[in-house]
């Protein structure tokens, strides 16, 4: 088996760490089923608090874990959807690239242990990037405020 290729020097890693991304279909379904929905001009977002008993599967015991007692790292996880209704593959990929960059810029707004799913609208293609950033920041700020109001935000992560 070939060794993995080394990272290119001077090239920063562009993707958020895997533990901060919402990946599993069951997690998306839980957020849709149990979470709340809000709308902004460029997107709709869904969010649901992560509770300790929601860890699915066994943690990998062969590697040291930085996670909490339930196998999940504390903090937010963000998912992104881009269905065919948004356009062809080129347009959907462009939407996802712009949204991922806006998420990276706004991730400091969100510290609570919450799962968030962003559904961009087709207007993201024509929108200025600063508008996309502003909507993502507004979404994260609203989710954080909702978690703090309900007492479910992690107090150890101050802003």
C-alpha atoms as a PDB file:
ATOM      1  CA  UNK A   1       0.000   0.000   0.000  1.00  0.00           C
ATOM      2  CA  UNK A   2       1.337   3.399  -0.931  1.00  0.00           C
ATOM      3  CA  UNK A   3       2.124   5.954   1.742  1.00  0.00           C
ATOM      4  CA  UNK A   4      -0.123   9.009   1.823  1.00  0.00           C
ATOM      5  CA  UNK A   5       1.259  11.942  -0.070  1.00  0.00           C
ATOM      6  CA  UNK A   6       2.656  14.704   2.123  1.00  0.00           C
ATOM      7  CA  UNK A   7       0.839  18.008   2.284  1.00  0.00           C
ATOM      8  CA  UNK A   8       2.100  20.645  -0.069  1.00  0.00           C
ATOM      9  CA  UNK A   9       4.393  23.078   1.698  1.00  0.00           C
ATOM     10  CA  UNK A  10       2.900  26.508   2.173  1.00  0.00           C
ATOM     11  CA  UNK A  11      -0.617  25.261   1.416  1.00  0.00           C
ATOM     12  CA  UNK A  12      -2.976  25.621   4.410  1.00  0.00           C
ATOM     13  CA  UNK A  13      -5.520  22.926   5.107  1.00  0.00           C
ATOM     14  CA  UNK A  14      -8.780  24.211   3.627  1.00  0.00           C
ATOM     15  CA  UNK A  15     -11.294  21.957   5.358  1.00  0.00           C
ATOM     16  CA  UNK A  16     -12.554  22.228   8.924  1.00  0.00           C
ATOM     17  CA  UNK A  17     -11.444  19.424  11.203  1.00  0.00           C
ATOM     18  CA  UNK A  18     -13.586  16.313  10.707  1.00  0.00           C
ATOM     19  CA  UNK A  19     -14.859  16.388  14.287  1.00  0.00           C
ATOM     20  CA  UNK A  20     -16.524  19.763  13.625  1.00  0.00           C
ATOM     21  CA  UNK A  21     -18.465  18.584  10.587  1.00  0.00           C
ATOM     22  CA  UNK A  22     -21.849  16.966  10.622  1.00  0.00           C
ATOM     23  CA  UNK A  23     -21.445  13.806   8.540  1.00  0.00           C
ATOM     24  CA  UNK A  24     -23.875  11.021   9.363  1.00  0.00           C
ATOM     25  CA  UNK A  25     -27.310  10.808   7.797  1.00  0.00           C
ATOM     26  CA  UNK A  26     -28.759   9.910  11.207  1.00  0.00           C
ATOM     27  CA  UNK A  27     -27.379  13.155  12.648  1.00  0.00           C
ATOM     28  CA  UNK A  28     -28.959  15.203   9.861  1.00  0.00           C
ATOM     29  CA  UNK A  29     -32.281  13.419  10.405  1.00  0.00           C
ATOM     30  CA  UNK A  30     -32.128  14.027  14.175  1.00  0.00           C
ATOM     31  CA  UNK A  31     -31.555  17.768  13.634  1.00  0.00           C
ATOM     32  CA  UNK A  32     -34.467  17.951  11.167  1.00  0.00           C
ATOM     33  CA  UNK A  33     -36.742  15.952  13.508  1.00  0.00           C
ATOM     34  CA  UNK A  34     -35.831  17.462  16.907  1.00  0.00           C
ATOM     35  CA  UNK A  35     -34.353  20.820  15.985  1.00  0.00           C
ATOM     36  CA  UNK A  36     -35.607  24.265  15.162  1.00  0.00           C
ATOM     37  CA  UNK A  37     -35.766  25.972  11.786  1.00  0.00           C
ATOM     38  CA  UNK A  38     -35.002  29.617  11.018  1.00  0.00           C
ATOM     39  CA  UNK A  39     -34.731  31.566   7.781  1.00  0.00           C
ATOM     40  CA  UNK A  40     -32.439  34.315   6.533  1.00  0.00           C
ATOM     41  CA  UNK A  41     -32.372  36.032   3.131  1.00  0.00           C
ATOM     42  CA  UNK A  42     -29.696  33.717   1.700  1.00  0.00           C
ATOM     43  CA  UNK A  43     -30.342  30.496   3.608  1.00  0.00           C
ATOM     44  CA  UNK A  44     -32.453  28.442   5.947  1.00  0.00           C
ATOM     45  CA  UNK A  45     -30.775  26.849   8.936  1.00  0.00           C
ATOM     46  CA  UNK A  46     -31.708  24.099  11.352  1.00  0.00           C
ATOM     47  CA  UNK A  47     -30.160  23.507  14.755  1.00  0.00           C
ATOM     48  CA  UNK A  48     -30.464  21.050  17.629  1.00  0.00           C
ATOM     49  CA  UNK A  49     -28.571  20.722  20.886  1.00  0.00           C
ATOM     50  CA  UNK A  50     -26.221  17.764  21.292  1.00  0.00           C
ATOM     51  CA  UNK A  51     -26.858  15.797  24.459  1.00  0.00           C
ATOM     52  CA  UNK A  52     -24.268  13.484  26.060  1.00  0.00           C
ATOM     53  CA  UNK A  53     -26.284  10.297  25.533  1.00  0.00           C
ATOM     54  CA  UNK A  54     -26.433  10.796  21.742  1.00  0.00           C
ATOM     55  CA  UNK A  55     -23.075   9.230  20.912  1.00  0.00           C
ATOM     56  CA  UNK A  56     -23.737   6.497  18.391  1.00  0.00           C
ATOM     57  CA  UNK A  57     -21.297   3.609  18.182  1.00  0.00           C
ATOM     58  CA  UNK A  58     -18.261   2.758  20.225  1.00  0.00           C
ATOM     59  CA  UNK A  59     -15.312   5.140  20.434  1.00  0.00           C
ATOM     60  CA  UNK A  60     -12.053   3.898  18.964  1.00  0.00           C
ATOM     61  CA  UNK A  61     -10.192   2.604  22.026  1.00  0.00           C
ATOM     62  CA  UNK A  62      -6.923   1.994  20.167  1.00  0.00           C
ATOM     63  CA  UNK A  63      -6.207   5.720  19.887  1.00  0.00           C
ATOM     64  CA  UNK A  64      -6.142   8.266  22.684  1.00  0.00           C
ATOM     65  CA  UNK A  65      -9.293  10.334  22.694  1.00  0.00           C
ATOM     66  CA  UNK A  66      -9.619  14.064  23.248  1.00  0.00           C
ATOM     67  CA  UNK A  67     -13.363  13.703  23.418  1.00  0.00           C
ATOM     68  CA  UNK A  68     -15.644  13.904  26.378  1.00  0.00           C
ATOM     69  CA  UNK A  69     -17.094  10.955  28.266  1.00  0.00           C
ATOM     70  CA  UNK A  70     -19.574  10.197  25.488  1.00  0.00           C
ATOM     71  CA  UNK A  71     -17.062   9.980  22.622  1.00  0.00           C
ATOM     72  CA  UNK A  72     -18.097  13.332  21.132  1.00  0.00           C
ATOM     73  CA  UNK A  73     -15.942  16.402  21.178  1.00  0.00           C
ATOM     74  CA  UNK A  74     -17.645  19.352  22.805  1.00  0.00           C
ATOM     75  CA  UNK A  75     -18.529  22.261  20.597  1.00  0.00           C
ATOM     76  CA  UNK A  76     -20.516  22.802  17.440  1.00  0.00           C
ATOM     77  CA  UNK A  77     -20.784  20.662  14.340  1.00  0.00           C
ATOM     78  CA  UNK A  78     -21.911  22.229  11.067  1.00  0.00           C
ATOM     79  CA  UNK A  79     -23.469  20.492   8.076  1.00  0.00           C
ATOM     80  CA  UNK A  80     -24.144  21.920   4.647  1.00  0.00           C
ATOM     81  CA  UNK A  81     -26.623  20.785   2.016  1.00  0.00           C
ATOM     82  CA  UNK A  82     -26.811  21.678  -1.645  1.00  0.00           C
ATOM     83  CA  UNK A  83     -29.521  19.804  -3.516  1.00  0.00           C
ATOM     84  CA  UNK A  84     -30.048  19.606  -7.265  1.00  0.00           C
ATOM     85  CA  UNK A  85     -32.643  22.330  -7.092  1.00  0.00           C
ATOM     86  CA  UNK A  86     -29.739  24.790  -6.631  1.00  0.00           C
ATOM     87  CA  UNK A  87     -28.385  24.121 -10.108  1.00  0.00           C
ATOM     88  CA  UNK A  88     -25.960  21.886 -11.918  1.00  0.00           C
ATOM     89  CA  UNK A  89     -22.884  20.372 -10.255  1.00  0.00           C
ATOM     90  CA  UNK A  90     -20.659  23.339 -11.063  1.00  0.00           C
ATOM     91  CA  UNK A  91     -23.105  25.783  -9.472  1.00  0.00           C
ATOM     92  CA  UNK A  92     -23.697  23.567  -6.422  1.00  0.00           C
ATOM     93  CA  UNK A  93     -19.952  23.174  -5.861  1.00  0.00           C
ATOM     94  CA  UNK A  94     -19.454  26.928  -6.126  1.00  0.00           C
ATOM     95  CA  UNK A  95     -22.228  27.479  -3.578  1.00  0.00           C
ATOM     96  CA  UNK A  96     -20.631  24.940  -1.218  1.00  0.00           C
ATOM     97  CA  UNK A  97     -17.165  26.503  -1.572  1.00  0.00           C
ATOM     98  CA  UNK A  98     -18.513  29.963  -0.760  1.00  0.00           C
ATOM     99  CA  UNK A  99     -20.540  28.665   2.185  1.00  0.00           C
ATOM    100  CA  UNK A 100     -17.611  26.661   3.626  1.00  0.00           C
ATOM    101  CA  UNK A 101     -15.408  29.758   3.522  1.00  0.00           C
ATOM    102  CA  UNK A 102     -18.083  31.839   5.246  1.00  0.00           C
ATOM    103  CA  UNK A 103     -18.444  29.107   7.889  1.00  0.00           C
ATOM    104  CA  UNK A 104     -14.690  29.204   8.529  1.00  0.00           C
ATOM    105  CA  UNK A 105     -14.801  32.983   9.007  1.00  0.00           C
ATOM    106  CA  UNK A 106     -17.788  32.821  11.368  1.00  0.00           C
ATOM    107  CA  UNK A 107     -16.971  29.727  13.416  1.00  0.00           C
ATOM    108  CA  UNK A 108     -15.844  31.810  16.419  1.00  0.00           C
ATOM    109  CA  UNK A 109     -19.463  33.004  16.824  1.00  0.00           C
ATOM    110  CA  UNK A 110     -20.576  29.503  17.789  1.00  0.00           C
ATOM    111  CA  UNK A 111     -19.199  27.670  20.842  1.00  0.00           C
ATOM    112  CA  UNK A 112     -22.202  25.709  22.175  1.00  0.00           C
ATOM    113  CA  UNK A 113     -22.447  21.942  21.705  1.00  0.00           C
ATOM    114  CA  UNK A 114     -24.980  22.140  18.914  1.00  0.00           C
ATOM    115  CA  UNK A 115     -25.502  20.652  15.464  1.00  0.00           C
ATOM    116  CA  UNK A 116     -26.305  23.183  12.733  1.00  0.00           C
ATOM    117  CA  UNK A 117     -27.360  22.491   9.142  1.00  0.00           C
ATOM    118  CA  UNK A 118     -27.236  25.280   6.572  1.00  0.00           C
ATOM    119  CA  UNK A 119     -29.465  25.156   3.476  1.00  0.00           C
ATOM    120  CA  UNK A 120     -28.295  27.864   1.070  1.00  0.00           C
ATOM    121  CA  UNK A 121     -30.664  29.359  -1.476  1.00  0.00           C
ATOM    122  CA  UNK A 122     -29.810  29.756  -5.136  1.00  0.00           C
ATOM    123  CA  UNK A 123     -29.333  33.497  -4.576  1.00  0.00           C
ATOM    124  CA  UNK A 124     -25.988  32.669  -2.910  1.00  0.00           C
ATOM    125  CA  UNK A 125     -24.538  32.383  -6.438  1.00  0.00           C
ATOM    126  CA  UNK A 126     -25.166  36.058  -7.203  1.00  0.00           C
ATOM    127  CA  UNK A 127     -24.694  37.434  -3.677  1.00  0.00           C
ATOM    128  CA  UNK A 128     -21.615  39.334  -2.604  1.00  0.00           C
ATOM    129  CA  UNK A 129     -19.388  37.255  -0.339  1.00  0.00           C
ATOM    130  CA  UNK A 130     -19.781  39.782   2.497  1.00  0.00           C
ATOM    131  CA  UNK A 131     -23.556  39.156   2.394  1.00  0.00           C
ATOM    132  CA  UNK A 132     -22.987  35.403   2.703  1.00  0.00           C
ATOM    133  CA  UNK A 133     -20.593  35.951   5.608  1.00  0.00           C
ATOM    134  CA  UNK A 134     -23.095  38.250   7.310  1.00  0.00           C
ATOM    135  CA  UNK A 135     -25.924  35.704   7.046  1.00  0.00           C
ATOM    136  CA  UNK A 136     -23.758  32.849   8.336  1.00  0.00           C
ATOM    137  CA  UNK A 137     -22.616  35.031  11.254  1.00  0.00           C
ATOM    138  CA  UNK A 138     -26.222  36.002  11.982  1.00  0.00           C
ATOM    139  CA  UNK A 139     -27.256  32.337  11.949  1.00  0.00           C
ATOM    140  CA  UNK A 140     -24.424  31.282  14.271  1.00  0.00           C
ATOM    141  CA  UNK A 141     -25.052  34.219  16.590  1.00  0.00           C
ATOM    142  CA  UNK A 142     -28.776  33.378  16.784  1.00  0.00           C
ATOM    143  CA  UNK A 143     -28.063  29.703  17.483  1.00  0.00           C
ATOM    144  CA  UNK A 144     -25.533  30.617  20.188  1.00  0.00           C
ATOM    145  CA  UNK A 145     -28.010  33.042  21.790  1.00  0.00           C
ATOM    146  CA  UNK A 146     -30.756  30.384  21.715  1.00  0.00           C
ATOM    147  CA  UNK A 147     -28.460  27.831  23.369  1.00  0.00           C
ATOM    148  CA  UNK A 148     -27.411  30.341  26.047  1.00  0.00           C
ATOM    149  CA  UNK A 149     -31.041  31.302  26.692  1.00  0.00           C
ATOM    150  CA  UNK A 150     -32.012  27.669  27.151  1.00  0.00           C
ATOM    151  CA  UNK A 151     -29.019  27.039  29.428  1.00  0.00           C
ATOM    152  CA  UNK A 152     -27.487  24.492  27.053  1.00  0.00           C
ATOM    153  CA  UNK A 153     -24.418  26.478  25.983  1.00  0.00           C
ATOM    154  CA  UNK A 154     -21.056  25.402  27.323  1.00  0.00           C
ATOM    155  CA  UNK A 155     -20.066  28.046  29.909  1.00  0.00           C
ATOM    156  CA  UNK A 156     -16.370  27.102  29.664  1.00  0.00           C
ATOM    157  CA  UNK A 157     -16.234  28.547  26.135  1.00  0.00           C
ATOM    158  CA  UNK A 158     -16.500  32.286  26.548  1.00  0.00           C
ATOM    159  CA  UNK A 159     -16.679  34.660  23.613  1.00  0.00           C
END
